[in-house]
N, C-alpha and C. Protein backbone atom coordinates (compact mmCIF):
# COMPACT_ATOMS: atom_id res chain seq x y z
N MET A 1 93.04 84.70 65.95
CA MET A 1 92.95 85.34 67.24
C MET A 1 92.24 84.40 68.20
N SER A 2 92.77 84.25 69.41
CA SER A 2 92.21 83.36 70.41
C SER A 2 90.99 83.98 71.08
N ALA A 3 89.97 83.16 71.31
CA ALA A 3 88.77 83.64 72.01
C ALA A 3 88.99 83.67 73.51
N GLU A 4 90.08 83.04 73.97
CA GLU A 4 90.37 83.00 75.39
C GLU A 4 90.91 84.35 75.86
N VAL A 5 90.41 84.82 76.99
CA VAL A 5 90.84 86.10 77.55
C VAL A 5 91.71 85.83 78.77
N ASP A 6 92.84 86.52 78.85
CA ASP A 6 93.69 86.37 80.02
C ASP A 6 92.97 86.87 81.27
N GLU A 7 93.27 86.25 82.37
CA GLU A 7 92.67 86.65 83.64
C GLU A 7 93.23 88.00 84.07
N LEU A 8 92.36 88.88 84.52
CA LEU A 8 92.76 90.18 85.03
C LEU A 8 93.31 89.99 86.44
N ARG A 9 94.51 90.50 86.68
CA ARG A 9 95.13 90.43 88.00
C ARG A 9 95.40 91.85 88.47
N VAL A 10 94.96 92.16 89.68
CA VAL A 10 95.08 93.51 90.22
C VAL A 10 95.92 93.47 91.49
N PHE A 11 96.99 94.22 91.52
CA PHE A 11 97.87 94.35 92.67
C PHE A 11 97.58 95.69 93.32
N VAL A 12 97.09 95.69 94.55
CA VAL A 12 96.77 96.93 95.26
C VAL A 12 97.88 97.18 96.28
N SER A 13 98.57 98.30 96.14
CA SER A 13 99.67 98.60 97.05
C SER A 13 99.29 99.73 98.01
N TRP A 14 100.07 99.86 99.08
CA TRP A 14 99.80 100.87 100.09
C TRP A 14 101.08 101.19 100.85
N SER A 15 101.07 102.31 101.57
CA SER A 15 102.19 102.72 102.41
C SER A 15 101.63 103.58 103.53
N GLY A 16 101.72 103.12 104.75
CA GLY A 16 101.18 103.87 105.88
C GLY A 16 99.79 103.38 106.26
N GLU A 17 99.39 103.71 107.46
CA GLU A 17 98.12 103.20 107.98
C GLU A 17 96.89 103.70 107.21
N ARG A 18 96.86 104.97 106.85
CA ARG A 18 95.70 105.51 106.13
C ARG A 18 95.53 104.83 104.78
N SER A 19 96.62 104.71 104.03
CA SER A 19 96.49 104.09 102.71
C SER A 19 96.28 102.58 102.82
N LYS A 20 96.73 101.96 103.92
CA LYS A 20 96.44 100.54 104.15
C LYS A 20 94.93 100.35 104.30
N THR A 21 94.29 101.23 105.07
CA THR A 21 92.85 101.16 105.25
C THR A 21 92.12 101.32 103.91
N ILE A 22 92.58 102.26 103.11
CA ILE A 22 91.97 102.50 101.79
C ILE A 22 92.21 101.29 100.87
N ALA A 23 93.42 100.75 100.88
CA ALA A 23 93.74 99.58 100.04
C ALA A 23 92.86 98.39 100.40
N LEU A 24 92.66 98.15 101.69
CA LEU A 24 91.82 97.03 102.12
C LEU A 24 90.37 97.25 101.72
N ALA A 25 89.89 98.49 101.84
CA ALA A 25 88.51 98.80 101.43
C ALA A 25 88.36 98.62 99.92
N LEU A 26 89.34 99.10 99.15
CA LEU A 26 89.30 98.95 97.68
C LEU A 26 89.33 97.47 97.30
N HIS A 27 90.17 96.70 97.94
CA HIS A 27 90.27 95.26 97.70
C HIS A 27 88.92 94.60 97.93
N SER A 28 88.29 94.91 99.05
CA SER A 28 86.99 94.33 99.39
C SER A 28 85.91 94.76 98.39
N TRP A 29 85.88 96.04 98.06
CA TRP A 29 84.86 96.56 97.14
C TRP A 29 85.01 95.97 95.75
N LEU A 30 86.24 95.92 95.24
CA LEU A 30 86.47 95.38 93.90
C LEU A 30 86.00 93.93 93.80
N ARG A 31 86.25 93.15 94.85
CA ARG A 31 85.82 91.74 94.83
C ARG A 31 84.30 91.62 94.78
N LYS A 32 83.60 92.62 95.30
CA LYS A 32 82.13 92.58 95.30
C LYS A 32 81.53 93.04 93.97
N VAL A 33 82.20 93.95 93.28
CA VAL A 33 81.59 94.57 92.09
C VAL A 33 82.13 94.05 90.77
N THR A 34 83.16 93.22 90.81
CA THR A 34 83.70 92.67 89.56
C THR A 34 83.81 91.16 89.67
N GLN A 35 83.84 90.52 88.52
CA GLN A 35 83.97 89.07 88.48
C GLN A 35 85.12 88.70 87.56
N GLY A 36 85.67 87.54 87.78
CA GLY A 36 86.68 87.01 86.88
C GLY A 36 88.04 87.66 87.00
N ALA A 37 88.33 88.25 88.14
CA ALA A 37 89.64 88.87 88.34
C ALA A 37 90.23 88.37 89.66
N ARG A 38 91.54 88.46 89.76
CA ARG A 38 92.23 88.13 91.00
C ARG A 38 92.78 89.42 91.59
N TYR A 39 92.55 89.61 92.86
CA TYR A 39 93.02 90.81 93.55
C TYR A 39 94.01 90.41 94.61
N TRP A 40 95.07 91.20 94.76
CA TRP A 40 96.12 90.90 95.71
C TRP A 40 96.42 92.14 96.52
N VAL A 41 96.42 92.01 97.84
CA VAL A 41 96.83 93.08 98.74
C VAL A 41 97.54 92.41 99.91
N SER A 42 98.70 92.92 100.28
CA SER A 42 99.58 92.22 101.22
C SER A 42 98.97 91.85 102.57
N PRO A 43 98.18 92.71 103.24
CA PRO A 43 97.66 92.29 104.55
C PRO A 43 96.76 91.05 104.47
N LYS A 44 96.17 90.80 103.33
CA LYS A 44 95.29 89.65 103.15
C LYS A 44 96.02 88.45 102.54
N ASP A 45 97.05 88.71 101.74
CA ASP A 45 97.63 87.65 100.93
C ASP A 45 99.06 87.24 101.29
N ILE A 46 99.61 87.81 102.35
CA ILE A 46 100.92 87.37 102.84
C ILE A 46 100.72 86.82 104.24
N GLU A 47 101.09 85.57 104.43
CA GLU A 47 100.97 84.96 105.75
C GLU A 47 102.11 85.43 106.65
N GLY A 48 101.82 85.49 107.95
CA GLY A 48 102.85 85.87 108.91
C GLY A 48 104.06 84.96 108.80
N GLY A 49 105.25 85.54 108.89
CA GLY A 49 106.48 84.77 108.80
C GLY A 49 106.98 84.54 107.39
N SER A 50 106.20 84.94 106.40
CA SER A 50 106.63 84.78 105.00
C SER A 50 107.72 85.79 104.65
N LEU A 51 108.45 85.49 103.62
CA LEU A 51 109.43 86.45 103.11
C LEU A 51 108.67 87.45 102.23
N TRP A 52 108.25 88.55 102.86
CA TRP A 52 107.32 89.48 102.23
C TRP A 52 107.82 90.03 100.91
N ASP A 53 109.13 90.32 100.80
CA ASP A 53 109.64 90.90 99.56
C ASP A 53 109.54 89.92 98.39
N LEU A 54 109.75 88.64 98.67
CA LEU A 54 109.61 87.63 97.61
C LEU A 54 108.14 87.42 97.25
N GLU A 55 107.26 87.48 98.24
CA GLU A 55 105.81 87.34 97.99
C GLU A 55 105.31 88.49 97.11
N ILE A 56 105.74 89.70 97.42
CA ILE A 56 105.32 90.87 96.63
C ILE A 56 105.86 90.77 95.21
N ALA A 57 107.13 90.43 95.06
CA ALA A 57 107.73 90.31 93.72
C ALA A 57 106.99 89.25 92.90
N ALA A 58 106.69 88.11 93.52
CA ALA A 58 105.99 87.03 92.81
C ALA A 58 104.58 87.46 92.41
N SER A 59 103.95 88.29 93.21
CA SER A 59 102.59 88.74 92.90
C SER A 59 102.57 89.84 91.86
N LEU A 60 103.60 90.64 91.80
CA LEU A 60 103.66 91.71 90.80
C LEU A 60 103.91 91.18 89.39
N ARG A 61 104.67 90.11 89.27
CA ARG A 61 105.02 89.58 87.95
C ARG A 61 103.81 89.38 87.05
N PRO A 62 102.76 88.66 87.49
CA PRO A 62 101.64 88.42 86.60
C PRO A 62 100.56 89.51 86.63
N ALA A 63 100.73 90.53 87.48
CA ALA A 63 99.70 91.57 87.60
C ALA A 63 99.53 92.31 86.28
N THR A 64 98.28 92.58 85.93
CA THR A 64 97.99 93.31 84.70
C THR A 64 97.45 94.71 84.99
N LEU A 65 97.17 94.99 86.26
CA LEU A 65 96.65 96.31 86.64
C LEU A 65 97.10 96.60 88.06
N GLY A 66 97.63 97.79 88.31
CA GLY A 66 98.07 98.16 89.64
C GLY A 66 97.38 99.43 90.09
N SER A 67 97.19 99.55 91.39
CA SER A 67 96.54 100.73 91.95
C SER A 67 97.28 101.19 93.19
N PRO A 68 98.22 102.14 93.04
CA PRO A 68 98.91 102.62 94.22
C PRO A 68 97.97 103.45 95.08
N SER A 69 98.00 103.22 96.37
CA SER A 69 97.14 103.99 97.30
C SER A 69 97.94 105.05 97.99
């Protein structure tokens, strides 16, 4: 058994303005209270002009934990 632990990846999704606000707050809070994980939320991690659907698909592939808002 390997002593190496896979990196935790968290994809935070949202739909609508209220859940977007909650997703951004959750993203910010999780980064403050946990270590050694990668968090992804579209308003922070997709640059303007990007092909958003491809960015989301690429980010979901390695995600190990999801939190729908």
